[in-house]
N, C-alpha and C. Protein backbone atom coordinates (compact mmCIF):
# COMPACT_ATOMS: atom_id res chain seq x y z
N MET A 1 4.76 -28.07 10.72
CA MET A 1 4.80 -26.37 9.76
C MET A 1 3.60 -25.73 10.16
N ARG A 2 3.80 -24.76 11.01
CA ARG A 2 2.54 -23.61 11.01
C ARG A 2 2.72 -22.78 9.82
N LYS A 3 0.71 -22.85 9.47
CA LYS A 3 0.77 -21.92 8.26
C LYS A 3 0.52 -20.72 8.69
N THR A 4 1.06 -19.46 8.19
CA THR A 4 0.58 -18.01 8.47
C THR A 4 -0.26 -17.41 7.75
N ARG A 5 -0.95 -16.26 7.89
CA ARG A 5 -1.51 -15.46 6.89
C ARG A 5 -1.21 -14.24 7.52
N ASP A 6 -1.59 -12.90 6.84
CA ASP A 6 -1.29 -11.54 7.23
C ASP A 6 -2.47 -10.76 7.75
N ASP A 7 -3.61 -11.22 6.71
CA ASP A 7 -4.99 -10.51 7.05
C ASP A 7 -5.76 -11.12 8.14
N LEU A 8 -6.67 -10.19 8.70
CA LEU A 8 -7.39 -10.57 10.08
C LEU A 8 -8.90 -11.15 9.10
N THR A 9 -9.18 -12.03 9.43
CA THR A 9 -10.77 -12.80 9.05
C THR A 9 -11.62 -11.78 9.05
N ILE A 10 -12.90 -11.66 8.88
CA ILE A 10 -13.79 -10.39 9.29
C ILE A 10 -14.36 -10.61 10.69
N SER A 11 -14.44 -12.03 11.18
CA SER A 11 -14.88 -12.23 12.66
C SER A 11 -13.88 -12.01 13.58
N GLU A 12 -12.44 -11.73 12.84
CA GLU A 12 -11.26 -11.24 14.22
C GLU A 12 -11.28 -10.07 13.98
N ALA A 13 -11.37 -8.42 12.79
CA ALA A 13 -11.41 -7.86 12.79
C ALA A 13 -12.14 -6.99 13.92
N LEU A 14 -13.92 -7.75 13.60
CA LEU A 14 -14.97 -7.98 14.67
C LEU A 14 -14.58 -7.36 15.82
N ARG A 15 -14.02 -8.25 15.99
CA ARG A 15 -13.16 -8.20 17.84
C ARG A 15 -12.00 -7.65 18.50
N ASP A 16 -11.93 -7.66 17.14
CA ASP A 16 -10.07 -6.38 17.43
C ASP A 16 -10.46 -5.48 18.63
N PRO A 17 -9.84 -5.14 19.53
CA PRO A 17 -9.98 -4.30 20.31
C PRO A 17 -10.23 -2.64 19.73
N LEU A 18 -8.68 -2.80 19.04
CA LEU A 18 -7.55 -1.52 18.46
C LEU A 18 -9.17 -1.14 17.25
N ILE A 19 -9.51 -1.79 16.51
CA ILE A 19 -10.47 -1.60 15.95
C ILE A 19 -11.59 -0.69 16.14
N ALA A 20 -12.27 -1.51 17.40
CA ALA A 20 -13.86 -1.25 18.13
C ALA A 20 -12.96 0.16 18.79
N MET A 21 -11.88 0.31 18.88
CA MET A 21 -11.91 2.07 19.47
C MET A 21 -12.06 3.15 18.60
N VAL A 22 -11.51 2.69 17.02
CA VAL A 22 -11.40 3.78 15.95
C VAL A 22 -12.87 3.73 15.54
N LEU A 23 -13.32 2.40 15.26
CA LEU A 23 -14.63 2.19 15.10
C LEU A 23 -15.63 4.19 16.28
N ARG A 24 -15.62 3.54 17.42
CA ARG A 24 -16.40 4.00 17.89
C ARG A 24 -15.97 5.64 18.25
N ALA A 25 -14.29 6.02 17.50
CA ALA A 25 -14.27 7.48 17.70
C ALA A 25 -14.32 8.31 16.31
N ASP A 26 -14.67 7.53 15.46
CA ASP A 26 -15.10 7.61 14.25
C ASP A 26 -16.69 7.70 14.07
N GLY A 27 -17.40 7.19 14.97
CA GLY A 27 -18.82 6.79 14.86
C GLY A 27 -19.64 6.73 13.82
N VAL A 28 -18.82 5.37 14.19
CA VAL A 28 -19.17 4.07 12.92
C VAL A 28 -19.55 2.83 13.64
N LYS A 29 -20.54 2.11 13.37
CA LYS A 29 -21.59 1.33 14.04
C LYS A 29 -20.62 -0.07 13.78
N LEU A 30 -20.46 -0.62 14.65
CA LEU A 30 -19.52 -2.38 14.04
C LEU A 30 -20.69 -2.68 13.32
N GLU A 31 -22.21 -2.64 13.42
CA GLU A 31 -22.79 -3.25 12.17
C GLU A 31 -22.44 -2.67 10.69
N ASP A 32 -22.40 -1.47 11.09
CA ASP A 32 -22.39 -0.98 9.51
C ASP A 32 -21.00 -1.27 8.74
N PHE A 33 -19.96 -1.39 9.54
CA PHE A 33 -18.44 -1.68 9.14
C PHE A 33 -18.76 -3.45 8.88
N LYS A 34 -19.50 -4.30 9.77
CA LYS A 34 -19.12 -5.52 8.91
C LYS A 34 -20.24 -5.75 7.75
N GLN A 35 -20.88 -4.64 7.11
CA GLN A 35 -21.47 -4.88 6.16
C GLN A 35 -20.79 -4.29 5.17
N LEU A 36 -19.90 -3.57 5.55
CA LEU A 36 -18.89 -3.24 4.19
C LEU A 36 -17.79 -4.07 4.09
N LEU A 37 -17.17 -4.83 5.34
CA LEU A 37 -15.97 -5.95 5.12
C LEU A 37 -17.44 -7.10 4.42
N GLU A 38 -18.22 -7.20 4.47
CA GLU A 38 -18.66 -8.70 3.76
C GLU A 38 -18.92 -8.30 2.48
N THR A 39 -19.22 -6.91 2.10
CA THR A 39 -19.84 -6.26 1.16
C THR A 39 -18.23 -7.09 -0.11
N ALA A 40 -17.22 -6.05 0.53
CA ALA A 40 -15.90 -5.71 0.12
C ALA A 40 -15.24 -7.47 0.13
N ALA A 41 -15.39 -8.09 0.83
CA ALA A 41 -15.65 -9.45 0.75
C ALA A 41 -15.53 -10.63 -0.78
N GLY A 42 -17.20 -9.67 -0.59
CA GLY A 42 -17.74 -10.39 -1.90
C GLY A 42 -17.51 -10.33 -2.94
N ASN A 43 -17.14 -8.54 -3.46
CA ASN A 43 -16.66 -8.14 -4.93
C ASN A 43 -15.31 -8.44 -4.62
N ARG A 44 -14.14 -9.15 -3.89
CA ARG A 44 -12.82 -9.66 -3.65
C ARG A 44 -13.00 -10.78 -4.82
N GLU A 45 -11.36 -10.67 -5.66
CA GLU A 45 -11.39 -11.84 -6.76
C GLU A 45 -10.52 -12.58 -5.57
N PRO A 46 -10.57 -13.35 -5.59
CA PRO A 46 -10.01 -14.78 -4.69
C PRO A 46 -8.58 -14.83 -5.22
N ARG A 47 -8.24 -15.12 -4.11
CA ARG A 47 -6.58 -15.09 -4.08
C ARG A 47 -6.13 -16.96 -5.02
N PRO A 48 -5.24 -16.52 -5.91
CA PRO A 48 -5.18 -17.95 -6.80
C PRO A 48 -4.24 -19.39 -5.33
N THR A 49 -4.40 -20.42 -5.38
CA THR A 49 -3.77 -21.17 -4.79
C THR A 49 -2.74 -21.86 -5.42
N PRO A 50 -1.56 -22.01 -4.98
CA PRO A 50 -0.75 -22.47 -5.71
C PRO A 50 -0.41 -23.99 -6.80
N VAL A 51 -1.98 -24.49 -6.50
CA VAL A 51 -2.00 -25.32 -7.61
C VAL A 51 -2.88 -24.88 -8.56
N GLY A 52 -3.33 -23.61 -8.79
CA GLY A 52 -4.24 -23.00 -9.75
C GLY A 52 -2.96 -22.00 -10.23
N LYS A 53 -1.99 -21.94 -10.05
CA LYS A 53 -1.35 -21.03 -10.37
C LYS A 53 -0.46 -21.95 -11.27
N MET A 54 -0.27 -23.31 -10.99
CA MET A 54 0.88 -24.13 -11.69
C MET A 54 -0.39 -24.44 -12.94
N ILE A 55 -1.44 -24.67 -12.42
CA ILE A 55 -2.66 -24.88 -13.76
C ILE A 55 -2.31 -23.70 -14.52
N GLY A 56 -2.72 -22.49 -13.93
CA GLY A 56 -2.37 -21.52 -14.79
C GLY A 56 -0.91 -21.25 -15.79
N ALA A 57 0.31 -21.18 -15.22
CA ALA A 57 1.22 -21.56 -15.78
C ALA A 57 1.69 -22.39 -17.10
N LEU A 58 0.96 -23.97 -16.45
CA LEU A 58 1.24 -24.88 -17.86
C LEU A 58 0.14 -24.25 -18.70
N ALA A 59 -1.16 -23.67 -18.63
CA ALA A 59 -2.15 -23.72 -19.59
C ALA A 59 -0.90 -22.37 -20.45
N SER A 60 -0.57 -21.54 -19.99
CA SER A 60 -0.14 -20.84 -20.77
C SER A 60 0.55 -20.37 -21.58
N ARG A 61 1.50 -22.08 -20.93
CA ARG A 61 2.90 -22.27 -22.32
C ARG A 61 1.99 -23.18 -23.47
N ALA A 62 1.25 -23.71 -22.75
CA ALA A 62 0.58 -24.51 -23.71
C ALA A 62 -0.50 -23.79 -24.99
N ASN A 63 -0.62 -22.97 -25.08
CA ASN A 63 -1.76 -21.83 -25.65
C ASN A 63 -2.91 -22.48 -25.08
N LEU A 64 -3.89 -23.24 -23.52
CA LEU A 64 -4.70 -23.70 -23.24
C LEU A 64 -5.34 -22.56 -21.98
N PRO A 65 -6.58 -22.86 -22.34
CA PRO A 65 -7.19 -22.09 -21.45
C PRO A 65 -6.86 -22.71 -19.65
N ALA A 66 -6.91 -21.37 -19.34
CA ALA A 66 -6.31 -21.17 -17.18
C ALA A 66 -7.18 -22.35 -16.77
N MET A 67 -8.41 -22.28 -16.82
CA MET A 67 -9.08 -23.17 -16.15
C MET A 67 -9.78 -24.66 -16.80
N PRO A 68 -9.98 -25.75 -16.38
CA PRO A 68 -9.98 -26.44 -17.83
C PRO A 68 -11.59 -27.23 -17.46
N CYS A 69 -12.34 -27.09 -18.58
CA CYS A 69 -13.70 -27.50 -19.01
C CYS A 69 -14.09 -29.02 -19.14
N PHE A 70 -14.69 -29.07 -18.20
CA PHE A 70 -14.85 -30.90 -18.23
C PHE A 70 -16.70 -30.55 -18.68
N CYS A 71 -16.32 -30.20 -19.94
CA CYS A 71 -18.10 -30.41 -20.63
C CYS A 71 -18.56 -31.29 -21.08
């Protein structure tokens, strides 16, 4: 089974010829676009994994915190 994803990685977006044409047409430097993508990625909340979703669902049923604490 092959795993697929809908989004480009940052490096894929920076190499994409269509994106490069749009950046050129808009007068945006590739380095500025890279900085924008990296900043946005750093501010983005991570996608929950299937295991994380399961833990969250079980925790909500048992009124426990979604993230286990091993303090």
